[in-house]
N, C-alpha and C. Protein backbone atom coordinates (compact mmCIF):
# COMPACT_ATOMS: atom_id res chain seq x y z
N MET A 1 6.17 3.97 -13.14
CA MET A 1 6.85 4.14 -11.84
C MET A 1 6.28 3.63 -10.59
N SER A 2 7.16 2.62 -10.29
CA SER A 2 6.61 2.03 -8.70
C SER A 2 7.21 2.85 -7.65
N VAL A 3 6.47 2.63 -6.55
CA VAL A 3 6.34 3.78 -5.21
C VAL A 3 7.00 2.70 -4.32
N LYS A 4 8.40 3.32 -3.93
CA LYS A 4 9.64 2.52 -3.10
C LYS A 4 9.90 3.35 -1.45
N PHE A 5 8.99 2.59 -0.91
CA PHE A 5 9.14 2.72 0.78
C PHE A 5 10.51 2.45 1.16
N ASP A 6 11.00 4.05 2.50
CA ASP A 6 12.14 3.63 2.48
C ASP A 6 12.14 3.06 4.33
N VAL A 7 13.03 2.81 4.80
CA VAL A 7 13.29 2.11 6.40
C VAL A 7 12.46 2.67 7.24
N GLN A 8 12.18 4.25 6.95
CA GLN A 8 11.29 4.94 8.05
C GLN A 8 10.33 4.83 7.97
N THR A 9 9.84 4.80 6.41
CA THR A 9 8.11 4.62 6.32
C THR A 9 7.82 3.31 6.64
N LEU A 10 8.52 2.58 6.17
CA LEU A 10 8.07 0.84 6.72
C LEU A 10 8.07 1.32 8.27
N GLU A 11 9.12 1.79 9.40
CA GLU A 11 8.99 1.33 10.66
C GLU A 11 7.96 2.29 10.77
N ARG A 12 7.36 3.46 10.61
CA ARG A 12 6.42 4.06 10.77
C ARG A 12 5.11 3.39 10.07
N PHE A 13 5.02 2.53 9.51
CA PHE A 13 3.67 1.40 9.01
C PHE A 13 3.41 0.69 9.60
N ARG A 14 4.70 0.45 10.29
CA ARG A 14 4.23 -0.42 11.66
C ARG A 14 3.81 0.09 12.94
N THR A 15 3.48 1.27 12.88
CA THR A 15 2.69 1.71 13.97
C THR A 15 1.09 2.33 14.00
N MET A 16 0.99 2.09 12.89
CA MET A 16 -0.57 2.31 12.20
C MET A 16 -1.35 1.10 11.86
N THR A 17 -2.47 1.22 11.83
CA THR A 17 -3.62 0.37 11.26
C THR A 17 -3.34 -0.02 9.96
N PRO A 18 -3.91 -1.17 9.64
CA PRO A 18 -3.73 -2.17 8.45
C PRO A 18 -4.88 -1.16 7.27
N GLN A 19 -5.75 -0.18 7.67
CA GLN A 19 -6.48 0.86 7.28
C GLN A 19 -5.78 2.06 7.26
N GLU A 20 -5.06 2.95 7.79
CA GLU A 20 -4.26 3.96 8.05
C GLU A 20 -3.30 3.47 6.87
N ILE A 21 -2.54 2.35 7.09
CA ILE A 21 -1.40 2.00 5.58
C ILE A 21 -1.98 2.17 4.10
N TYR A 22 -3.22 1.10 4.27
CA TYR A 22 -3.47 1.06 2.86
C TYR A 22 -3.73 2.39 2.36
N ARG A 23 -4.58 3.44 3.28
CA ARG A 23 -5.18 4.34 2.56
C ARG A 23 -4.05 5.47 2.08
N GLU A 24 -2.80 5.23 3.06
CA GLU A 24 -1.52 6.25 2.80
C GLU A 24 -0.85 5.59 1.54
N VAL A 25 -0.97 4.08 1.15
CA VAL A 25 -0.15 3.59 0.20
C VAL A 25 -0.75 4.13 -1.17
N THR A 26 -2.08 3.80 -0.62
CA THR A 26 -3.01 4.45 -2.33
C THR A 26 -2.77 5.80 -2.39
N ASP A 27 -2.88 6.83 -1.46
CA ASP A 27 -2.68 8.13 -2.16
C ASP A 27 -1.08 8.43 -2.11
N ALA A 28 -0.53 7.44 -1.73
CA ALA A 28 0.93 7.59 -2.04
C ALA A 28 1.19 7.41 -3.83
N VAL A 29 0.29 5.96 -4.13
CA VAL A 29 0.78 5.81 -5.36
C VAL A 29 -0.28 6.59 -6.80
N HIS A 30 -1.36 7.13 -5.79
CA HIS A 30 -2.21 8.37 -6.61
C HIS A 30 -1.14 9.54 -6.86
N GLN A 31 0.04 9.78 -6.23
CA GLN A 31 0.55 11.02 -6.07
C GLN A 31 2.15 11.50 -6.95
N VAL A 32 2.09 9.86 -7.43
CA VAL A 32 3.49 9.83 -8.49
C VAL A 32 3.56 9.92 -9.79
N ASP A 33 4.02 11.01 -10.04
CA ASP A 33 4.50 11.74 -11.59
C ASP A 33 4.23 11.10 -12.46
N GLY A 34 3.73 11.00 -13.20
CA GLY A 34 4.05 10.25 -14.65
C GLY A 34 2.75 9.36 -14.31
N PRO A 35 2.50 7.96 -15.75
CA PRO A 35 1.97 7.16 -15.70
C PRO A 35 1.63 5.88 -14.83
N ARG A 36 0.72 5.46 -14.18
CA ARG A 36 0.33 4.72 -13.49
C ARG A 36 -0.69 3.34 -13.64
N GLY A 37 -0.29 2.54 -13.43
CA GLY A 37 -1.30 1.50 -13.58
C GLY A 37 -1.70 0.45 -12.18
N SER A 38 -2.29 -0.34 -12.52
CA SER A 38 -2.57 -1.45 -11.13
C SER A 38 -1.52 -2.02 -11.05
N GLU A 39 -0.79 -2.49 -12.04
CA GLU A 39 0.77 -2.77 -11.07
C GLU A 39 1.60 -1.94 -10.47
N ASP A 40 1.28 -0.80 -10.28
CA ASP A 40 2.06 0.20 -9.56
C ASP A 40 1.86 -0.02 -8.00
N PHE A 41 0.05 -0.32 -7.85
CA PHE A 41 -0.53 -0.41 -6.93
C PHE A 41 -0.54 -1.74 -6.12
N VAL A 42 -0.13 -3.22 -7.30
CA VAL A 42 -0.22 -4.00 -6.63
C VAL A 42 1.32 -4.24 -6.28
N ASP A 43 2.52 -3.52 -6.88
CA ASP A 43 3.88 -3.51 -6.57
C ASP A 43 4.13 -2.97 -4.94
N ALA A 44 3.85 -2.14 -4.98
CA ALA A 44 3.45 -1.15 -3.46
C ALA A 44 2.59 -1.78 -2.24
N LEU A 45 1.39 -2.32 -2.80
CA LEU A 45 1.16 -3.14 -1.58
C LEU A 45 2.08 -4.77 -1.43
N ASP A 46 2.75 -5.49 -2.75
CA ASP A 46 3.09 -6.38 -2.37
C ASP A 46 4.43 -6.44 -1.70
N SER A 47 5.52 -5.18 -1.70
CA SER A 47 6.42 -4.70 -1.26
C SER A 47 6.14 -4.73 0.50
N LEU A 48 5.11 -4.30 0.93
CA LEU A 48 4.13 -4.61 2.21
C LEU A 48 4.01 -5.93 2.86
N VAL A 49 3.47 -6.53 1.78
CA VAL A 49 3.41 -8.18 2.36
C VAL A 49 4.59 -8.80 2.85
N ASP A 50 5.52 -8.14 1.73
CA ASP A 50 7.12 -9.11 1.55
C ASP A 50 7.50 -8.46 2.73
N GLU A 51 7.18 -7.32 3.91
CA GLU A 51 7.78 -6.90 4.47
C GLU A 51 6.84 -7.20 5.79
N GLY A 52 5.77 -7.96 5.85
CA GLY A 52 4.95 -8.31 6.85
C GLY A 52 4.40 -7.37 7.92
N ILE A 53 3.69 -6.51 7.32
CA ILE A 53 3.17 -5.43 7.21
C ILE A 53 1.66 -5.46 7.44
N LEU A 54 1.69 -5.95 5.73
CA LEU A 54 0.00 -6.41 5.51
C LEU A 54 0.01 -7.63 5.08
N THR A 55 -1.55 -8.28 4.90
CA THR A 55 -1.05 -9.46 3.98
C THR A 55 -2.22 -9.03 3.13
N TRP A 56 -2.04 -10.20 2.45
CA TRP A 56 -3.30 -10.28 1.03
C TRP A 56 -4.69 -10.20 1.52
N ASP A 57 -4.99 -11.08 2.67
CA ASP A 57 -6.10 -10.98 3.06
C ASP A 57 -6.98 -9.89 3.75
N GLN A 58 -5.94 -8.74 3.95
CA GLN A 58 -6.11 -8.09 4.58
C GLN A 58 -6.65 -6.62 3.44
N ILE A 59 -5.28 -6.81 2.54
CA ILE A 59 -5.64 -5.98 1.15
C ILE A 59 -6.91 -6.12 0.69
N GLN A 60 -7.35 -7.11 0.24
CA GLN A 60 -9.10 -7.65 -0.11
C GLN A 60 -10.03 -7.41 0.78
N ASN A 61 -9.95 -7.53 1.82
CA ASN A 61 -10.89 -7.17 2.98
C ASN A 61 -11.33 -5.56 2.55
N PHE A 62 -10.04 -4.72 2.22
CA PHE A 62 -10.05 -3.01 2.16
C PHE A 62 -11.05 -3.16 0.92
N GLU A 63 -10.60 -4.13 -0.24
CA GLU A 63 -10.78 -3.22 -1.49
C GLU A 63 -12.63 -3.73 -1.61
N SER A 64 -12.68 -4.60 -0.64
CA SER A 64 -14.05 -5.43 -0.93
C SER A 64 -15.21 -4.58 -0.10
N GLU A 65 -14.37 -3.45 1.18
CA GLU A 65 -15.33 -2.30 1.77
C GLU A 65 -14.95 -0.95 0.54
N GLU A 66 -13.93 -0.95 -0.06
CA GLU A 66 -13.81 0.28 -0.90
C GLU A 66 -15.39 0.08 -1.83
N ASP A 67 -15.68 -1.14 -2.03
CA ASP A 67 -16.82 -1.67 -3.22
C ASP A 67 -18.13 -1.54 -2.96
N ASN A 68 -18.36 -1.41 -1.28
CA ASN A 68 -19.54 -1.32 -0.81
C ASN A 68 -20.12 0.30 -0.69
């Protein structure tokens, strides 16, 4: 089951820092009922890239920071 963002949420994301968005999206995917996998995270983040809210470079930087 993928996470869908409504217009209000997308607009709120536009007022947040990229790090805040990444954390909130990650938390939202973790809270989805039922099975979830890496595709759910990618789908959620991809939708934000499509909206111009995040870039894949930013996402990769966040993931690198989490690994440290």
